[in-house]
Amino acid sequence: MPSYEAKLLSDFLVVPASLRDFMTLRQFTDIFPKGHQSNPAIKELYRELYTLRERDIEAVRQDITHEIKRSKQLKREYAKERRLMDDANVAGLNPIALQMEQELSHDGRKKPHTLQTVHASIEEACESLESQIAELEEESRGALVEVQEAVGALSDLRHGRFAPSASGEDMREEVLATLKRLESVCAAPGG
């Protein structure tokens, strides 16, 4: 049974390629001027084109066969290389994840991780993540306090409790300023 690759390549490159599949002798003859359509050389020319086309198709078939053999060899080499890579890595660690980590690491390390270096790197990454989480929580708390203050000020306005303006501004201006501050806090990233 032919491989999927061979079938795909043959269906795409070989099957619709025969001259008879897209042009009959009659259609070929109709291309020539009316006075020359009865010339016997047209039939010979069609046969010659057909023969050349069949040679080209056969060359494509041979190339497909060659590529299929080559791809099988490449697959075997790839599988062998993968087995060697998998055997070379520390047991229990994902080799793809290790490779990604090596490519992304900023320390320029060329050797694969050992159990000790992986542990140290994981500890360092955990500390960094914990620090980032603490910063984000602090920013969130600050944003929440600002939103609560703005909502409280607007709630007082809604219930008719007008505190005297601390800034001495008009009440309308103060409400607009509070609304803008609320809008900016809500729209701020991480807010």
C-alpha atoms as a PDB file:
ATOM      1  CA  MET A   1       0.000   0.000   0.000  1.00  0.00           C
ATOM      2  CA  PRO A   2       1.473   3.369  -0.962  1.00  0.00           C
ATOM      3  CA  SER A   3       2.199   5.818   1.816  1.00  0.00           C
ATOM      4  CA  TYR A   4       0.044   8.857   2.409  1.00  0.00           C
ATOM      5  CA  GLU A   5       2.842  11.070   1.104  1.00  0.00           C
ATOM      6  CA  ALA A   6       3.122   9.069  -2.132  1.00  0.00           C
ATOM      7  CA  LYS A   7      -0.645   9.151  -2.673  1.00  0.00           C
ATOM      8  CA  LEU A   8      -0.840  12.878  -1.995  1.00  0.00           C
ATOM      9  CA  LEU A   9       2.055  13.728  -4.313  1.00  0.00           C
ATOM     10  CA  SER A  10       0.797  11.405  -7.062  1.00  0.00           C
ATOM     11  CA  ASP A  11      -2.753  12.734  -6.867  1.00  0.00           C
ATOM     12  CA  PHE A  12      -1.504  16.297  -7.025  1.00  0.00           C
ATOM     13  CA  LEU A  13       1.314  15.994  -9.567  1.00  0.00           C
ATOM     14  CA  VAL A  14       0.741  12.900 -11.704  1.00  0.00           C
ATOM     15  CA  VAL A  15      -2.945  12.053 -12.044  1.00  0.00           C
ATOM     16  CA  PRO A  16      -4.166  15.234 -13.786  1.00  0.00           C
ATOM     17  CA  ALA A  17      -0.958  15.633 -15.804  1.00  0.00           C
ATOM     18  CA  SER A  18      -1.606  13.422 -18.849  1.00  0.00           C
ATOM     19  CA  LEU A  19      -2.098  15.395 -22.071  1.00  0.00           C
ATOM     20  CA  ARG A  20      -5.360  13.533 -22.793  1.00  0.00           C
ATOM     21  CA  ASP A  21      -6.747  14.624 -19.417  1.00  0.00           C
ATOM     22  CA  PHE A  22      -6.947  18.251 -20.448  1.00  0.00           C
ATOM     23  CA  MET A  23      -6.709  18.323 -24.273  1.00  0.00           C
ATOM     24  CA  THR A  24      -7.963  15.860 -26.889  1.00  0.00           C
ATOM     25  CA  LEU A  25      -6.540  15.528 -30.398  1.00  0.00           C
ATOM     26  CA  ARG A  26      -9.636  17.336 -31.719  1.00  0.00           C
ATOM     27  CA  GLN A  27      -9.082  20.306 -29.350  1.00  0.00           C
ATOM     28  CA  PHE A  28      -5.403  20.375 -30.272  1.00  0.00           C
ATOM     29  CA  THR A  29      -6.264  20.400 -34.006  1.00  0.00           C
ATOM     30  CA  ASP A  30      -8.737  23.265 -33.479  1.00  0.00           C
ATOM     31  CA  ILE A  31      -5.873  25.470 -32.243  1.00  0.00           C
ATOM     32  CA  PHE A  32      -4.367  25.597 -35.744  1.00  0.00           C
ATOM     33  CA  PRO A  33      -5.705  27.772 -38.599  1.00  0.00           C
ATOM     34  CA  LYS A  34      -8.534  26.191 -40.617  1.00  0.00           C
ATOM     35  CA  GLY A  35      -6.356  25.684 -43.713  1.00  0.00           C
ATOM     36  CA  HIS A  36      -3.825  23.572 -41.746  1.00  0.00           C
ATOM     37  CA  GLN A  37      -6.136  21.509 -39.537  1.00  0.00           C
ATOM     38  CA  SER A  38      -6.143  18.569 -41.955  1.00  0.00           C
ATOM     39  CA  ASN A  39      -2.327  18.405 -42.057  1.00  0.00           C
ATOM     40  CA  PRO A  40      -1.125  14.922 -40.881  1.00  0.00           C
ATOM     41  CA  ALA A  41       1.800  16.584 -39.081  1.00  0.00           C
ATOM     42  CA  ILE A  42      -0.631  17.866 -36.443  1.00  0.00           C
ATOM     43  CA  LYS A  43      -1.406  14.311 -35.375  1.00  0.00           C
ATOM     44  CA  GLU A  44       2.309  13.485 -35.225  1.00  0.00           C
ATOM     45  CA  LEU A  45       2.978  16.670 -33.259  1.00  0.00           C
ATOM     46  CA  TYR A  46       0.210  15.696 -30.801  1.00  0.00           C
ATOM     47  CA  ARG A  47       1.753  12.214 -30.388  1.00  0.00           C
ATOM     48  CA  GLU A  48       5.182  13.777 -29.829  1.00  0.00           C
ATOM     49  CA  LEU A  49       3.785  16.133 -27.190  1.00  0.00           C
ATOM     50  CA  TYR A  50       1.975  13.204 -25.593  1.00  0.00           C
ATOM     51  CA  THR A  51       5.219  11.172 -25.503  1.00  0.00           C
ATOM     52  CA  LEU A  52       7.191  14.091 -24.012  1.00  0.00           C
ATOM     53  CA  ARG A  53       4.469  14.645 -21.443  1.00  0.00           C
ATOM     54  CA  GLU A  54       4.487  10.947 -20.466  1.00  0.00           C
ATOM     55  CA  ARG A  55       8.298  11.071 -20.042  1.00  0.00           C
ATOM     56  CA  ASP A  56       7.899  14.084 -17.779  1.00  0.00           C
ATOM     57  CA  ILE A  57       5.221  12.286 -15.767  1.00  0.00           C
ATOM     58  CA  GLU A  58       7.476   9.244 -15.409  1.00  0.00           C
ATOM     59  CA  ALA A  59      10.311  11.493 -14.218  1.00  0.00           C
ATOM     60  CA  VAL A  60       7.945  12.985 -11.639  1.00  0.00           C
ATOM     61  CA  ARG A  61       6.925   9.476 -10.504  1.00  0.00           C
ATOM     62  CA  GLN A  62      10.588   8.564 -10.054  1.00  0.00           C
ATOM     63  CA  ASP A  63      11.198  11.793  -8.122  1.00  0.00           C
ATOM     64  CA  ILE A  64       8.233  11.002  -5.878  1.00  0.00           C
ATOM     65  CA  THR A  65       9.618   7.519  -5.210  1.00  0.00           C
ATOM     66  CA  HIS A  66      13.028   9.012  -4.454  1.00  0.00           C
ATOM     67  CA  GLU A  67      11.515  11.593  -2.066  1.00  0.00           C
ATOM     68  CA  ILE A  68       9.509   8.927  -0.239  1.00  0.00           C
ATOM     69  CA  LYS A  69      12.678   6.855   0.295  1.00  0.00           C
ATOM     70  CA  ARG A  70      14.537   9.984   1.397  1.00  0.00           C
ATOM     71  CA  SER A  71      11.770  10.961   3.819  1.00  0.00           C
ATOM     72  CA  LYS A  72      11.804   7.476   5.379  1.00  0.00           C
ATOM     73  CA  GLN A  73      15.555   7.812   5.922  1.00  0.00           C
ATOM     74  CA  LEU A  74      15.086  11.281   7.424  1.00  0.00           C
ATOM     75  CA  LYS A  75      12.379   9.946   9.760  1.00  0.00           C
ATOM     76  CA  ARG A  76      14.707   7.162  10.926  1.00  0.00           C
ATOM     77  CA  GLU A  77      17.544   9.640  11.529  1.00  0.00           C
ATOM     78  CA  TYR A  78      15.210  11.973  13.383  1.00  0.00           C
ATOM     79  CA  ALA A  79      13.893   9.142  15.576  1.00  0.00           C
ATOM     80  CA  LYS A  80      17.463   8.035  16.340  1.00  0.00           C
ATOM     81  CA  GLU A  81      18.487  11.582  17.262  1.00  0.00           C
ATOM     82  CA  ARG A  82      15.408  11.978  19.489  1.00  0.00           C
ATOM     83  CA  ARG A  83      16.222   8.742  21.307  1.00  0.00           C
ATOM     84  CA  LEU A  84      19.793   9.944  21.897  1.00  0.00           C
ATOM     85  CA  MET A  85      18.541  13.303  23.176  1.00  0.00           C
ATOM     86  CA  ASP A  86      15.970  11.672  25.445  1.00  0.00           C
ATOM     87  CA  ASP A  87      18.586   9.318  26.880  1.00  0.00           C
ATOM     88  CA  ALA A  88      21.026  12.181  27.484  1.00  0.00           C
ATOM     89  CA  ASN A  89      18.631  14.203  29.647  1.00  0.00           C
ATOM     90  CA  VAL A  90      17.933  13.825  33.318  1.00  0.00           C
ATOM     91  CA  ALA A  91      15.290  11.195  33.965  1.00  0.00           C
ATOM     92  CA  GLY A  92      11.899  12.667  34.830  1.00  0.00           C
ATOM     93  CA  LEU A  93      12.443  16.019  33.124  1.00  0.00           C
ATOM     94  CA  ASN A  94      10.754  16.925  29.867  1.00  0.00           C
ATOM     95  CA  PRO A  95      13.502  17.344  27.217  1.00  0.00           C
ATOM     96  CA  ILE A  96      11.419  19.798  25.174  1.00  0.00           C
ATOM     97  CA  ALA A  97      10.853  21.972  28.235  1.00  0.00           C
ATOM     98  CA  LEU A  98      14.569  21.792  29.008  1.00  0.00           C
ATOM     99  CA  GLN A  99      15.457  22.862  25.477  1.00  0.00           C
ATOM    100  CA  MET A 100      12.994  25.775  25.637  1.00  0.00           C
ATOM    101  CA  GLU A 101      14.414  26.828  28.991  1.00  0.00           C
ATOM    102  CA  GLN A 102      17.953  26.713  27.621  1.00  0.00           C
ATOM    103  CA  GLU A 103      16.988  28.797  24.604  1.00  0.00           C
ATOM    104  CA  LEU A 104      15.193  31.363  26.743  1.00  0.00           C
ATOM    105  CA  SER A 105      17.671  31.541  29.612  1.00  0.00           C
ATOM    106  CA  HIS A 106      19.679  34.731  29.808  1.00  0.00           C
ATOM    107  CA  ASP A 107      22.750  33.245  31.436  1.00  0.00           C
ATOM    108  CA  GLY A 108      24.006  31.734  28.174  1.00  0.00           C
ATOM    109  CA  ARG A 109      24.334  28.278  29.695  1.00  0.00           C
ATOM    110  CA  LYS A 110      25.208  25.672  27.075  1.00  0.00           C
ATOM    111  CA  LYS A 111      25.145  22.499  29.200  1.00  0.00           C
ATOM    112  CA  PRO A 112      21.899  20.679  29.988  1.00  0.00           C
ATOM    113  CA  HIS A 113      20.593  21.068  33.507  1.00  0.00           C
ATOM    114  CA  THR A 114      21.483  18.654  36.231  1.00  0.00           C
ATOM    115  CA  LEU A 115      19.197  17.936  39.138  1.00  0.00           C
ATOM    116  CA  GLN A 116      21.010  20.542  41.252  1.00  0.00           C
ATOM    117  CA  THR A 117      20.962  23.299  38.624  1.00  0.00           C
ATOM    118  CA  VAL A 118      17.304  22.658  37.804  1.00  0.00           C
ATOM    119  CA  HIS A 119      16.419  22.880  41.479  1.00  0.00           C
ATOM    120  CA  ALA A 120      18.290  26.184  41.868  1.00  0.00           C
ATOM    121  CA  SER A 121      16.672  27.606  38.724  1.00  0.00           C
ATOM    122  CA  ILE A 122      13.212  26.570  39.887  1.00  0.00           C
ATOM    123  CA  GLU A 123      13.795  28.175  43.296  1.00  0.00           C
ATOM    124  CA  GLU A 124      14.943  31.398  41.618  1.00  0.00           C
ATOM    125  CA  ALA A 125      11.900  31.403  39.308  1.00  0.00           C
ATOM    126  CA  CYS A 126       9.546  30.800  42.260  1.00  0.00           C
ATOM    127  CA  GLU A 127      11.043  33.714  44.203  1.00  0.00           C
ATOM    128  CA  SER A 128      10.696  35.966  41.177  1.00  0.00           C
ATOM    129  CA  LEU A 129       7.058  34.957  40.667  1.00  0.00           C
ATOM    130  CA  GLU A 130       6.249  35.464  44.356  1.00  0.00           C
ATOM    131  CA  SER A 131       7.775  38.949  44.199  1.00  0.00           C
ATOM    132  CA  GLN A 132       5.762  39.820  41.104  1.00  0.00           C
ATOM    133  CA  ILE A 133       2.559  38.506  42.698  1.00  0.00           C
ATOM    134  CA  ALA A 134       3.180  40.623  45.823  1.00  0.00           C
ATOM    135  CA  GLU A 135       3.687  43.736  43.681  1.00  0.00           C
ATOM    136  CA  LEU A 136       0.477  43.063  41.746  1.00  0.00           C
ATOM    137  CA  GLU A 137      -1.483  42.507  44.953  1.00  0.00           C
ATOM    138  CA  GLU A 138      -0.190  45.811  46.348  1.00  0.00           C
ATOM    139  CA  GLU A 139      -1.155  47.643  43.156  1.00  0.00           C
ATOM    140  CA  SER A 140      -4.607  46.016  43.261  1.00  0.00           C
ATOM    141  CA  ARG A 141      -5.119  47.054  46.890  1.00  0.00           C
ATOM    142  CA  GLY A 142      -4.184  50.648  46.036  1.00  0.00           C
ATOM    143  CA  ALA A 143      -6.549  50.694  43.065  1.00  0.00           C
ATOM    144  CA  LEU A 144      -9.353  49.230  45.197  1.00  0.00           C
ATOM    145  CA  VAL A 145      -8.895  51.955  47.828  1.00  0.00           C
ATOM    146  CA  GLU A 146      -9.069  54.645  45.131  1.00  0.00           C
ATOM    147  CA  VAL A 147     -12.228  53.135  43.632  1.00  0.00           C
ATOM    148  CA  GLN A 148     -13.872  52.868  47.055  1.00  0.00           C
ATOM    149  CA  GLU A 149     -13.065  56.503  47.819  1.00  0.00           C
ATOM    150  CA  ALA A 150     -14.494  57.663  44.497  1.00  0.00           C
ATOM    151  CA  VAL A 151     -17.621  55.532  44.902  1.00  0.00           C
ATOM    152  CA  GLY A 152     -18.061  56.830  48.445  1.00  0.00           C
ATOM    153  CA  ALA A 153     -17.816  60.423  47.267  1.00  0.00           C
ATOM    154  CA  LEU A 154     -20.339  59.763  44.506  1.00  0.00           C
ATOM    155  CA  SER A 155     -22.623  57.949  46.949  1.00  0.00           C
ATOM    156  CA  ASP A 156     -22.664  61.022  49.189  1.00  0.00           C
ATOM    157  CA  LEU A 157     -23.648  63.107  46.199  1.00  0.00           C
ATOM    158  CA  ARG A 158     -26.448  60.690  45.295  1.00  0.00           C
ATOM    159  CA  HIS A 159     -27.932  60.834  48.797  1.00  0.00           C
ATOM    160  CA  GLY A 160     -27.731  64.603  48.944  1.00  0.00           C
ATOM    161  CA  ARG A 161     -24.998  64.784  51.545  1.00  0.00           C
ATOM    162  CA  PHE A 162     -22.845  67.515  50.231  1.00  0.00           C
ATOM    163  CA  ALA A 163     -19.684  67.950  52.171  1.00  0.00           C
ATOM    164  CA  PRO A 164     -18.145  71.342  51.814  1.00  0.00           C
ATOM    165  CA  SER A 165     -15.636  71.319  49.033  1.00  0.00           C
ATOM    166  CA  ALA A 166     -12.130  71.006  50.441  1.00  0.00           C
ATOM    167  CA  SER A 167     -10.607  72.570  47.382  1.00  0.00           C
ATOM    168  CA  GLY A 168     -13.086  75.372  47.201  1.00  0.00           C
ATOM    169  CA  GLU A 169     -14.156  74.289  43.686  1.00  0.00           C
ATOM    170  CA  ASP A 170     -17.658  74.318  42.391  1.00  0.00           C
ATOM    171  CA  MET A 171     -19.578  71.101  43.292  1.00  0.00           C
ATOM    172  CA  ARG A 172     -20.090  70.327  39.618  1.00  0.00           C
ATOM    173  CA  GLU A 173     -16.352  70.522  38.916  1.00  0.00           C
ATOM    174  CA  GLU A 174     -15.586  68.327  41.920  1.00  0.00           C
ATOM    175  CA  VAL A 175     -18.079  65.652  40.758  1.00  0.00           C
ATOM    176  CA  LEU A 176     -16.584  65.675  37.265  1.00  0.00           C
ATOM    177  CA  ALA A 177     -13.078  65.405  38.697  1.00  0.00           C
ATOM    178  CA  THR A 178     -14.143  62.479  40.909  1.00  0.00           C
ATOM    179  CA  LEU A 179     -15.770  60.721  37.963  1.00  0.00           C
ATOM    180  CA  LYS A 180     -12.657  61.221  35.841  1.00  0.00           C
ATOM    181  CA  ARG A 181     -10.475  59.872  38.638  1.00  0.00           C
ATOM    182  CA  LEU A 182     -12.771  56.820  38.944  1.00  0.00           C
ATOM    183  CA  GLU A 183     -12.642  56.305  35.191  1.00  0.00           C
ATOM    184  CA  SER A 184      -8.827  56.519  35.104  1.00  0.00           C
ATOM    185  CA  VAL A 185      -8.466  54.087  38.007  1.00  0.00           C
ATOM    186  CA  CYS A 186     -10.812  51.599  36.349  1.00  0.00           C
ATOM    187  CA  ALA A 187      -9.137  51.959  32.956  1.00  0.00           C
ATOM    188  CA  ALA A 188      -5.569  51.699  34.284  1.00  0.00           C
ATOM    189  CA  PRO A 189      -3.853  48.397  33.490  1.00  0.00           C
ATOM    190  CA  GLY A 190      -3.759  46.113  36.489  1.00  0.00           C
ATOM    191  CA  GLY A 191      -6.560  48.155  38.070  1.00  0.00           C
END
